[in-house]
mmCIF file of all heavy atoms, coordinates in Angstrom:
data_MODEL
# 
_entry.id   MODEL 
# 
loop_
_atom_site.group_PDB 
_atom_site.id 
_atom_site.type_symbol 
_atom_site.label_atom_id 
_atom_site.label_alt_id 
_atom_site.label_comp_id 
_atom_site.label_asym_id 
_atom_site.label_entity_id 
_atom_site.label_seq_id 
_atom_site.pdbx_PDB_ins_code 
_atom_site.Cartn_x 
_atom_site.Cartn_y 
_atom_site.Cartn_z 
_atom_site.occupancy 
_atom_site.B_iso_or_equiv 
_atom_site.pdbx_formal_charge 
_atom_site.auth_seq_id 
_atom_site.auth_comp_id 
_atom_site.auth_asym_id 
_atom_site.auth_atom_id 
_atom_site.pdbx_PDB_model_num 
ATOM 1   N N   . ALA A 1 1  ? 39.042 -13.616 -14.477 1.00 0.00 ? 1  ALA A N   1 
ATOM 2   C CA  . ALA A 1 1  ? 38.453 -13.984 -15.771 1.00 0.00 ? 1  ALA A CA  1 
ATOM 3   C C   . ALA A 1 1  ? 38.330 -12.831 -16.787 1.00 0.00 ? 1  ALA A C   1 
ATOM 4   O O   . ALA A 1 1  ? 38.070 -13.037 -17.904 1.00 0.00 ? 1  ALA A O   1 
ATOM 5   C CB  . ALA A 1 1  ? 37.132 -14.788 -15.617 1.00 0.00 ? 1  ALA A CB  1 
ATOM 6   N N   . GLY A 1 2  ? 38.349 -11.690 -16.185 1.00 0.00 ? 2  GLY A N   1 
ATOM 7   C CA  . GLY A 1 2  ? 38.222 -10.446 -16.982 1.00 0.00 ? 2  GLY A CA  1 
ATOM 8   C C   . GLY A 1 2  ? 36.797 -10.080 -17.209 1.00 0.00 ? 2  GLY A C   1 
ATOM 9   O O   . GLY A 1 2  ? 36.484 -9.301  -18.180 1.00 0.00 ? 2  GLY A O   1 
ATOM 10  N N   . SER A 1 3  ? 35.858 -10.725 -16.439 1.00 0.00 ? 3  SER A N   1 
ATOM 11  C CA  . SER A 1 3  ? 34.433 -10.423 -16.730 1.00 0.00 ? 3  SER A CA  1 
ATOM 12  C C   . SER A 1 3  ? 33.774 -9.659  -15.581 1.00 0.00 ? 3  SER A C   1 
ATOM 13  O O   . SER A 1 3  ? 32.550 -9.588  -15.393 1.00 0.00 ? 3  SER A O   1 
ATOM 14  C CB  . SER A 1 3  ? 33.679 -11.772 -16.937 1.00 0.00 ? 3  SER A CB  1 
ATOM 15  O OG  . SER A 1 3  ? 33.922 -12.604 -15.858 1.00 0.00 ? 3  SER A OG  1 
ATOM 16  N N   . LEU A 1 4  ? 34.625 -9.108  -14.692 1.00 0.00 ? 4  LEU A N   1 
ATOM 17  C CA  . LEU A 1 4  ? 34.043 -8.372  -13.534 1.00 0.00 ? 4  LEU A CA  1 
ATOM 18  C C   . LEU A 1 4  ? 33.427 -7.035  -14.012 1.00 0.00 ? 4  LEU A C   1 
ATOM 19  O O   . LEU A 1 4  ? 34.091 -6.283  -14.616 1.00 0.00 ? 4  LEU A O   1 
ATOM 20  C CB  . LEU A 1 4  ? 35.200 -8.071  -12.468 1.00 0.00 ? 4  LEU A CB  1 
ATOM 21  C CG  . LEU A 1 4  ? 34.745 -7.268  -11.245 1.00 0.00 ? 4  LEU A CG  1 
ATOM 22  C CD1 . LEU A 1 4  ? 33.834 -8.084  -10.450 1.00 0.00 ? 4  LEU A CD1 1 
ATOM 23  C CD2 . LEU A 1 4  ? 35.942 -6.870  -10.421 1.00 0.00 ? 4  LEU A CD2 1 
ATOM 24  N N   . SER A 1 5  ? 32.249 -6.780  -13.462 1.00 0.00 ? 5  SER A N   1 
ATOM 25  C CA  . SER A 1 5  ? 31.580 -5.519  -13.678 1.00 0.00 ? 5  SER A CA  1 
ATOM 26  C C   . SER A 1 5  ? 31.388 -4.846  -12.273 1.00 0.00 ? 5  SER A C   1 
ATOM 27  O O   . SER A 1 5  ? 30.564 -5.458  -11.482 1.00 0.00 ? 5  SER A O   1 
ATOM 28  C CB  . SER A 1 5  ? 30.224 -5.760  -14.331 1.00 0.00 ? 5  SER A CB  1 
ATOM 29  O OG  . SER A 1 5  ? 29.445 -4.639  -14.189 1.00 0.00 ? 5  SER A OG  1 
ATOM 30  N N   . TRP A 1 6  ? 32.079 -3.819  -12.046 1.00 0.00 ? 6  TRP A N   1 
ATOM 31  C CA  . TRP A 1 6  ? 31.856 -3.117  -10.719 1.00 0.00 ? 6  TRP A CA  1 
ATOM 32  C C   . TRP A 1 6  ? 30.396 -2.651  -10.559 1.00 0.00 ? 6  TRP A C   1 
ATOM 33  O O   . TRP A 1 6  ? 29.913 -2.628  -9.512  1.00 0.00 ? 6  TRP A O   1 
ATOM 34  C CB  . TRP A 1 6  ? 32.947 -2.011  -10.581 1.00 0.00 ? 6  TRP A CB  1 
ATOM 35  C CG  . TRP A 1 6  ? 34.177 -2.545  -10.177 1.00 0.00 ? 6  TRP A CG  1 
ATOM 36  C CD1 . TRP A 1 6  ? 35.311 -2.686  -10.954 1.00 0.00 ? 6  TRP A CD1 1 
ATOM 37  C CD2 . TRP A 1 6  ? 34.553 -3.170  -8.987  1.00 0.00 ? 6  TRP A CD2 1 
ATOM 38  N NE1 . TRP A 1 6  ? 36.311 -3.339  -10.278 1.00 0.00 ? 6  TRP A NE1 1 
ATOM 39  C CE2 . TRP A 1 6  ? 35.904 -3.601  -9.004  1.00 0.00 ? 6  TRP A CE2 1 
ATOM 40  C CE3 . TRP A 1 6  ? 33.797 -3.359  -7.679  1.00 0.00 ? 6  TRP A CE3 1 
ATOM 41  C CZ2 . TRP A 1 6  ? 36.439 -4.295  -7.913  1.00 0.00 ? 6  TRP A CZ2 1 
ATOM 42  C CZ3 . TRP A 1 6  ? 34.459 -4.042  -6.680  1.00 0.00 ? 6  TRP A CZ3 1 
ATOM 43  C CH2 . TRP A 1 6  ? 35.831 -4.416  -6.827  1.00 0.00 ? 6  TRP A CH2 1 
ATOM 44  N N   . THR A 1 7  ? 29.826 -2.202  -11.687 1.00 0.00 ? 7  THR A N   1 
ATOM 45  C CA  . THR A 1 7  ? 28.516 -1.755  -11.663 1.00 0.00 ? 7  THR A CA  1 
ATOM 46  C C   . THR A 1 7  ? 27.500 -2.984  -11.290 1.00 0.00 ? 7  THR A C   1 
ATOM 47  O O   . THR A 1 7  ? 26.678 -2.828  -10.389 1.00 0.00 ? 7  THR A O   1 
ATOM 48  C CB  . THR A 1 7  ? 28.001 -1.293  -13.051 1.00 0.00 ? 7  THR A CB  1 
ATOM 49  O OG1 . THR A 1 7  ? 28.881 -0.257  -13.390 1.00 0.00 ? 7  THR A OG1 1 
ATOM 50  C CG2 . THR A 1 7  ? 26.550 -0.808  -13.014 1.00 0.00 ? 7  THR A CG2 1 
ATOM 51  N N   . GLY A 1 8  ? 27.935 -4.216  -11.762 1.00 0.00 ? 8  GLY A N   1 
ATOM 52  C CA  . GLY A 1 8  ? 27.188 -5.390  -11.373 1.00 0.00 ? 8  GLY A CA  1 
ATOM 53  C C   . GLY A 1 8  ? 27.353 -5.715  -9.921  1.00 0.00 ? 8  GLY A C   1 
ATOM 54  O O   . GLY A 1 8  ? 26.414 -6.106  -9.262  1.00 0.00 ? 8  GLY A O   1 
ATOM 55  N N   . VAL A 1 9  ? 28.598 -5.546  -9.481  1.00 0.00 ? 9  VAL A N   1 
ATOM 56  C CA  . VAL A 1 9  ? 28.823 -5.791  -7.994  1.00 0.00 ? 9  VAL A CA  1 
ATOM 57  C C   . VAL A 1 9  ? 28.118 -4.904  -7.121  1.00 0.00 ? 9  VAL A C   1 
ATOM 58  O O   . VAL A 1 9  ? 27.465 -5.297  -6.128  1.00 0.00 ? 9  VAL A O   1 
ATOM 59  C CB  . VAL A 1 9  ? 30.258 -5.787  -7.720  1.00 0.00 ? 9  VAL A CB  1 
ATOM 60  C CG1 . VAL A 1 9  ? 30.591 -5.789  -6.245  1.00 0.00 ? 9  VAL A CG1 1 
ATOM 61  C CG2 . VAL A 1 9  ? 31.071 -6.828  -8.428  1.00 0.00 ? 9  VAL A CG2 1 
ATOM 62  N N   . ILE A 1 10 ? 28.089 -3.629  -7.454  1.00 0.00 ? 10 ILE A N   1 
ATOM 63  C CA  . ILE A 1 10 ? 27.389 -2.620  -6.723  1.00 0.00 ? 10 ILE A CA  1 
ATOM 64  C C   . ILE A 1 10 ? 25.951 -2.856  -6.707  1.00 0.00 ? 10 ILE A C   1 
ATOM 65  O O   . ILE A 1 10 ? 25.216 -2.866  -5.640  1.00 0.00 ? 10 ILE A O   1 
ATOM 66  C CB  . ILE A 1 10 ? 27.724 -1.136  -7.192  1.00 0.00 ? 10 ILE A CB  1 
ATOM 67  C CG1 . ILE A 1 10 ? 29.123 -0.821  -6.823  1.00 0.00 ? 10 ILE A CG1 1 
ATOM 68  C CG2 . ILE A 1 10 ? 26.736 -0.096  -6.547  1.00 0.00 ? 10 ILE A CG2 1 
ATOM 69  C CD1 . ILE A 1 10 ? 29.647 0.312   -7.614  1.00 0.00 ? 10 ILE A CD1 1 
ATOM 70  N N   . PHE A 1 11 ? 25.345 -3.129  -7.812  1.00 0.00 ? 11 PHE A N   1 
ATOM 71  C CA  . PHE A 1 11 ? 23.912 -3.368  -7.856  1.00 0.00 ? 11 PHE A CA  1 
ATOM 72  C C   . PHE A 1 11 ? 23.566 -4.739  -7.208  1.00 0.00 ? 11 PHE A C   1 
ATOM 73  O O   . PHE A 1 11 ? 22.501 -4.865  -6.662  1.00 0.00 ? 11 PHE A O   1 
ATOM 74  C CB  . PHE A 1 11 ? 23.391 -3.372  -9.359  1.00 0.00 ? 11 PHE A CB  1 
ATOM 75  C CG  . PHE A 1 11 ? 23.107 -2.003  -9.834  1.00 0.00 ? 11 PHE A CG  1 
ATOM 76  C CD1 . PHE A 1 11 ? 23.889 -1.448  -10.832 1.00 0.00 ? 11 PHE A CD1 1 
ATOM 77  C CD2 . PHE A 1 11 ? 22.085 -1.212  -9.327  1.00 0.00 ? 11 PHE A CD2 1 
ATOM 78  C CE1 . PHE A 1 11 ? 23.647 -0.167  -11.305 1.00 0.00 ? 11 PHE A CE1 1 
ATOM 79  C CE2 . PHE A 1 11 ? 21.747 0.076   -9.823  1.00 0.00 ? 11 PHE A CE2 1 
ATOM 80  C CZ  . PHE A 1 11 ? 22.603 0.586   -10.760 1.00 0.00 ? 11 PHE A CZ  1 
ATOM 81  N N   . GLY A 1 12 ? 24.438 -5.681  -7.279  1.00 0.00 ? 12 GLY A N   1 
ATOM 82  C CA  . GLY A 1 12 ? 24.169 -6.908  -6.629  1.00 0.00 ? 12 GLY A CA  1 
ATOM 83  C C   . GLY A 1 12 ? 24.118 -6.688  -5.089  1.00 0.00 ? 12 GLY A C   1 
ATOM 84  O O   . GLY A 1 12 ? 23.266 -7.310  -4.447  1.00 0.00 ? 12 GLY A O   1 
ATOM 85  N N   . VAL A 1 13 ? 25.054 -5.992  -4.630  1.00 0.00 ? 13 VAL A N   1 
ATOM 86  C CA  . VAL A 1 13 ? 25.131 -5.635  -3.094  1.00 0.00 ? 13 VAL A CA  1 
ATOM 87  C C   . VAL A 1 13 ? 23.831 -4.883  -2.691  1.00 0.00 ? 13 VAL A C   1 
ATOM 88  O O   . VAL A 1 13 ? 23.258 -5.206  -1.737  1.00 0.00 ? 13 VAL A O   1 
ATOM 89  C CB  . VAL A 1 13 ? 26.434 -4.945  -2.688  1.00 0.00 ? 13 VAL A CB  1 
ATOM 90  C CG1 . VAL A 1 13 ? 26.277 -4.469  -1.317  1.00 0.00 ? 13 VAL A CG1 1 
ATOM 91  C CG2 . VAL A 1 13 ? 27.617 -5.829  -2.898  1.00 0.00 ? 13 VAL A CG2 1 
ATOM 92  N N   . LEU A 1 14 ? 23.496 -3.961  -3.549  1.00 0.00 ? 14 LEU A N   1 
ATOM 93  C CA  . LEU A 1 14 ? 22.212 -3.163  -3.195  1.00 0.00 ? 14 LEU A CA  1 
ATOM 94  C C   . LEU A 1 14 ? 21.006 -4.059  -3.287  1.00 0.00 ? 14 LEU A C   1 
ATOM 95  O O   . LEU A 1 14 ? 20.183 -3.894  -2.533  1.00 0.00 ? 14 LEU A O   1 
ATOM 96  C CB  . LEU A 1 14 ? 22.148 -2.021  -4.245  1.00 0.00 ? 14 LEU A CB  1 
ATOM 97  C CG  . LEU A 1 14 ? 23.110 -0.785  -4.006  1.00 0.00 ? 14 LEU A CG  1 
ATOM 98  C CD1 . LEU A 1 14 ? 22.902 0.216   -5.151  1.00 0.00 ? 14 LEU A CD1 1 
ATOM 99  C CD2 . LEU A 1 14 ? 22.941 -0.160  -2.633  1.00 0.00 ? 14 LEU A CD2 1 
ATOM 100 N N   . ALA A 1 15 ? 20.996 -4.966  -4.289  1.00 0.00 ? 15 ALA A N   1 
ATOM 101 C CA  . ALA A 1 15 ? 19.782 -5.921  -4.361  1.00 0.00 ? 15 ALA A CA  1 
ATOM 102 C C   . ALA A 1 15 ? 19.754 -6.766  -3.163  1.00 0.00 ? 15 ALA A C   1 
ATOM 103 O O   . ALA A 1 15 ? 18.723 -6.962  -2.621  1.00 0.00 ? 15 ALA A O   1 
ATOM 104 C CB  . ALA A 1 15 ? 19.990 -6.780  -5.687  1.00 0.00 ? 15 ALA A CB  1 
ATOM 105 N N   . SER A 1 16 ? 20.904 -7.245  -2.595  1.00 0.00 ? 16 SER A N   1 
ATOM 106 C CA  . SER A 1 16 ? 20.975 -8.067  -1.427  1.00 0.00 ? 16 SER A CA  1 
ATOM 107 C C   . SER A 1 16 ? 20.422 -7.291  -0.242  1.00 0.00 ? 16 SER A C   1 
ATOM 108 O O   . SER A 1 16 ? 19.652 -7.838  0.601   1.00 0.00 ? 16 SER A O   1 
ATOM 109 C CB  . SER A 1 16 ? 22.372 -8.594  -1.085  1.00 0.00 ? 16 SER A CB  1 
ATOM 110 O OG  . SER A 1 16 ? 22.719 -9.422  -2.146  1.00 0.00 ? 16 SER A OG  1 
ATOM 111 N N   . LEU A 1 17 ? 20.847 -6.015  -0.181  1.00 0.00 ? 17 LEU A N   1 
ATOM 112 C CA  . LEU A 1 17 ? 20.389 -5.087  0.830   1.00 0.00 ? 17 LEU A CA  1 
ATOM 113 C C   . LEU A 1 17 ? 18.858 -4.887  0.822   1.00 0.00 ? 17 LEU A C   1 
ATOM 114 O O   . LEU A 1 17 ? 18.199 -5.042  1.913   1.00 0.00 ? 17 LEU A O   1 
ATOM 115 C CB  . LEU A 1 17 ? 21.117 -3.777  0.772   1.00 0.00 ? 17 LEU A CB  1 
ATOM 116 C CG  . LEU A 1 17 ? 20.708 -2.680  1.811   1.00 0.00 ? 17 LEU A CG  1 
ATOM 117 C CD1 . LEU A 1 17 ? 21.197 -3.135  3.220   1.00 0.00 ? 17 LEU A CD1 1 
ATOM 118 C CD2 . LEU A 1 17 ? 21.336 -1.390  1.471   1.00 0.00 ? 17 LEU A CD2 1 
ATOM 119 N N   . CYS A 1 18 ? 18.349 -4.768  -0.376  1.00 0.00 ? 18 CYS A N   1 
ATOM 120 C CA  . CYS A 1 18 ? 16.977 -4.533  -0.526  1.00 0.00 ? 18 CYS A CA  1 
ATOM 121 C C   . CYS A 1 18 ? 16.152 -5.778  -0.100  1.00 0.00 ? 18 CYS A C   1 
ATOM 122 O O   . CYS A 1 18 ? 15.100 -5.748  0.575   1.00 0.00 ? 18 CYS A O   1 
ATOM 123 C CB  . CYS A 1 18 ? 16.558 -4.118  -1.949  1.00 0.00 ? 18 CYS A CB  1 
ATOM 124 S SG  . CYS A 1 18 ? 17.041 -2.406  -2.341  1.00 0.00 ? 18 CYS A SG  1 
ATOM 125 N N   . VAL A 1 19 ? 16.634 -6.966  -0.475  1.00 0.00 ? 19 VAL A N   1 
ATOM 126 C CA  . VAL A 1 19 ? 15.984 -8.259  -0.172  1.00 0.00 ? 19 VAL A CA  1 
ATOM 127 C C   . VAL A 1 19 ? 16.007 -8.413  1.433   1.00 0.00 ? 19 VAL A C   1 
ATOM 128 O O   . VAL A 1 19 ? 14.996 -8.836  1.960   1.00 0.00 ? 19 VAL A O   1 
ATOM 129 C CB  . VAL A 1 19 ? 16.627 -9.369  -0.770  1.00 0.00 ? 19 VAL A CB  1 
ATOM 130 C CG1 . VAL A 1 19 ? 16.262 -10.739 -0.281  1.00 0.00 ? 19 VAL A CG1 1 
ATOM 131 C CG2 . VAL A 1 19 ? 16.474 -9.390  -2.362  1.00 0.00 ? 19 VAL A CG2 1 
ATOM 132 N N   . SER A 1 20 ? 17.119 -8.140  1.991   1.00 0.00 ? 20 SER A N   1 
ATOM 133 C CA  . SER A 1 20 ? 17.254 -8.217  3.492   1.00 0.00 ? 20 SER A CA  1 
ATOM 134 C C   . SER A 1 20 ? 16.276 -7.236  4.136   1.00 0.00 ? 20 SER A C   1 
ATOM 135 O O   . SER A 1 20 ? 15.505 -7.639  5.103   1.00 0.00 ? 20 SER A O   1 
ATOM 136 C CB  . SER A 1 20 ? 18.678 -7.820  3.948   1.00 0.00 ? 20 SER A CB  1 
ATOM 137 O OG  . SER A 1 20 ? 19.577 -8.819  3.454   1.00 0.00 ? 20 SER A OG  1 
ATOM 138 N N   . LEU A 1 21 ? 16.227 -6.044  3.718   1.00 0.00 ? 21 LEU A N   1 
ATOM 139 C CA  . LEU A 1 21 ? 15.349 -5.104  4.315   1.00 0.00 ? 21 LEU A CA  1 
ATOM 140 C C   . LEU A 1 21 ? 13.753 -5.446  4.030   1.00 0.00 ? 21 LEU A C   1 
ATOM 141 O O   . LEU A 1 21 ? 13.006 -5.333  4.958   1.00 0.00 ? 21 LEU A O   1 
ATOM 142 C CB  . LEU A 1 21 ? 15.543 -3.690  3.726   1.00 0.00 ? 21 LEU A CB  1 
ATOM 143 C CG  . LEU A 1 21 ? 16.786 -2.932  4.162   1.00 0.00 ? 21 LEU A CG  1 
ATOM 144 C CD1 . LEU A 1 21 ? 17.063 -1.695  3.387   1.00 0.00 ? 21 LEU A CD1 1 
ATOM 145 C CD2 . LEU A 1 21 ? 16.761 -2.716  5.629   1.00 0.00 ? 21 LEU A CD2 1 
ATOM 146 N N   . ASN A 1 22 ? 13.555 -5.996  2.936   1.00 0.00 ? 22 ASN A N   1 
ATOM 147 C CA  . ASN A 1 22 ? 12.097 -6.419  2.629   1.00 0.00 ? 22 ASN A CA  1 
ATOM 148 C C   . ASN A 1 22 ? 11.792 -7.605  3.677   1.00 0.00 ? 22 ASN A C   1 
ATOM 149 O O   . ASN A 1 22 ? 10.685 -7.597  4.164   1.00 0.00 ? 22 ASN A O   1 
ATOM 150 C CB  . ASN A 1 22 ? 12.128 -7.005  1.191   1.00 0.00 ? 22 ASN A CB  1 
ATOM 151 C CG  . ASN A 1 22 ? 10.708 -7.525  0.930   1.00 0.00 ? 22 ASN A CG  1 
ATOM 152 O OD1 . ASN A 1 22 ? 9.722  -6.926  1.094   1.00 0.00 ? 22 ASN A OD1 1 
ATOM 153 N ND2 . ASN A 1 22 ? 10.612 -8.860  0.660   1.00 0.00 ? 22 ASN A ND2 1 
ATOM 154 N N   . ALA A 1 23 ? 12.708 -8.565  3.859   1.00 0.00 ? 23 ALA A N   1 
ATOM 155 C CA  . ALA A 1 23 ? 12.451 -9.585  4.803   1.00 0.00 ? 23 ALA A CA  1 
ATOM 156 C C   . ALA A 1 23 ? 12.236 -9.043  6.266   1.00 0.00 ? 23 ALA A C   1 
ATOM 157 O O   . ALA A 1 23 ? 11.368 -9.454  6.994   1.00 0.00 ? 23 ALA A O   1 
ATOM 158 C CB  . ALA A 1 23 ? 13.526 -10.607 4.822   1.00 0.00 ? 23 ALA A CB  1 
ATOM 159 N N   . ILE A 1 24 ? 12.991 -8.034  6.593   1.00 0.00 ? 24 ILE A N   1 
ATOM 160 C CA  . ILE A 1 24 ? 12.911 -7.485  8.028   1.00 0.00 ? 24 ILE A CA  1 
ATOM 161 C C   . ILE A 1 24 ? 11.644 -6.688  8.125   1.00 0.00 ? 24 ILE A C   1 
ATOM 162 O O   . ILE A 1 24 ? 10.947 -6.925  9.094   1.00 0.00 ? 24 ILE A O   1 
ATOM 163 C CB  . ILE A 1 24 ? 14.078 -6.508  8.274   1.00 0.00 ? 24 ILE A CB  1 
ATOM 164 C CG1 . ILE A 1 24 ? 15.391 -7.390  8.410   1.00 0.00 ? 24 ILE A CG1 1 
ATOM 165 C CG2 . ILE A 1 24 ? 13.872 -5.669  9.495   1.00 0.00 ? 24 ILE A CG2 1 
ATOM 166 C CD1 . ILE A 1 24 ? 16.681 -6.513  8.347   1.00 0.00 ? 24 ILE A CD1 1 
ATOM 167 N N   . TYR A 1 25 ? 11.257 -5.994  7.150   1.00 0.00 ? 25 TYR A N   1 
ATOM 168 C CA  . TYR A 1 25 ? 9.960  -5.266  7.263   1.00 0.00 ? 25 TYR A CA  1 
ATOM 169 C C   . TYR A 1 25 ? 8.707  -6.110  7.094   1.00 0.00 ? 25 TYR A C   1 
ATOM 170 O O   . TYR A 1 25 ? 7.735  -5.828  7.578   1.00 0.00 ? 25 TYR A O   1 
ATOM 171 C CB  . TYR A 1 25 ? 9.997  -4.090  6.251   1.00 0.00 ? 25 TYR A CB  1 
ATOM 172 C CG  . TYR A 1 25 ? 10.803 -2.907  6.760   1.00 0.00 ? 25 TYR A CG  1 
ATOM 173 C CD1 . TYR A 1 25 ? 12.038 -2.556  6.091   1.00 0.00 ? 25 TYR A CD1 1 
ATOM 174 C CD2 . TYR A 1 25 ? 10.500 -2.226  7.868   1.00 0.00 ? 25 TYR A CD2 1 
ATOM 175 C CE1 . TYR A 1 25 ? 12.765 -1.551  6.513   1.00 0.00 ? 25 TYR A CE1 1 
ATOM 176 C CE2 . TYR A 1 25 ? 11.258 -1.116  8.299   1.00 0.00 ? 25 TYR A CE2 1 
ATOM 177 C CZ  . TYR A 1 25 ? 12.371 -0.863  7.675   1.00 0.00 ? 25 TYR A CZ  1 
ATOM 178 O OH  . TYR A 1 25 ? 13.259 0.152   8.032   1.00 0.00 ? 25 TYR A OH  1 
# 
């Protein structure tokens, strides 16, 4: 669609990682 933001993808993956770590801890 031409609306991909690699910065958004990276921050989205990092956010998911932080949510997962929060749940584990």
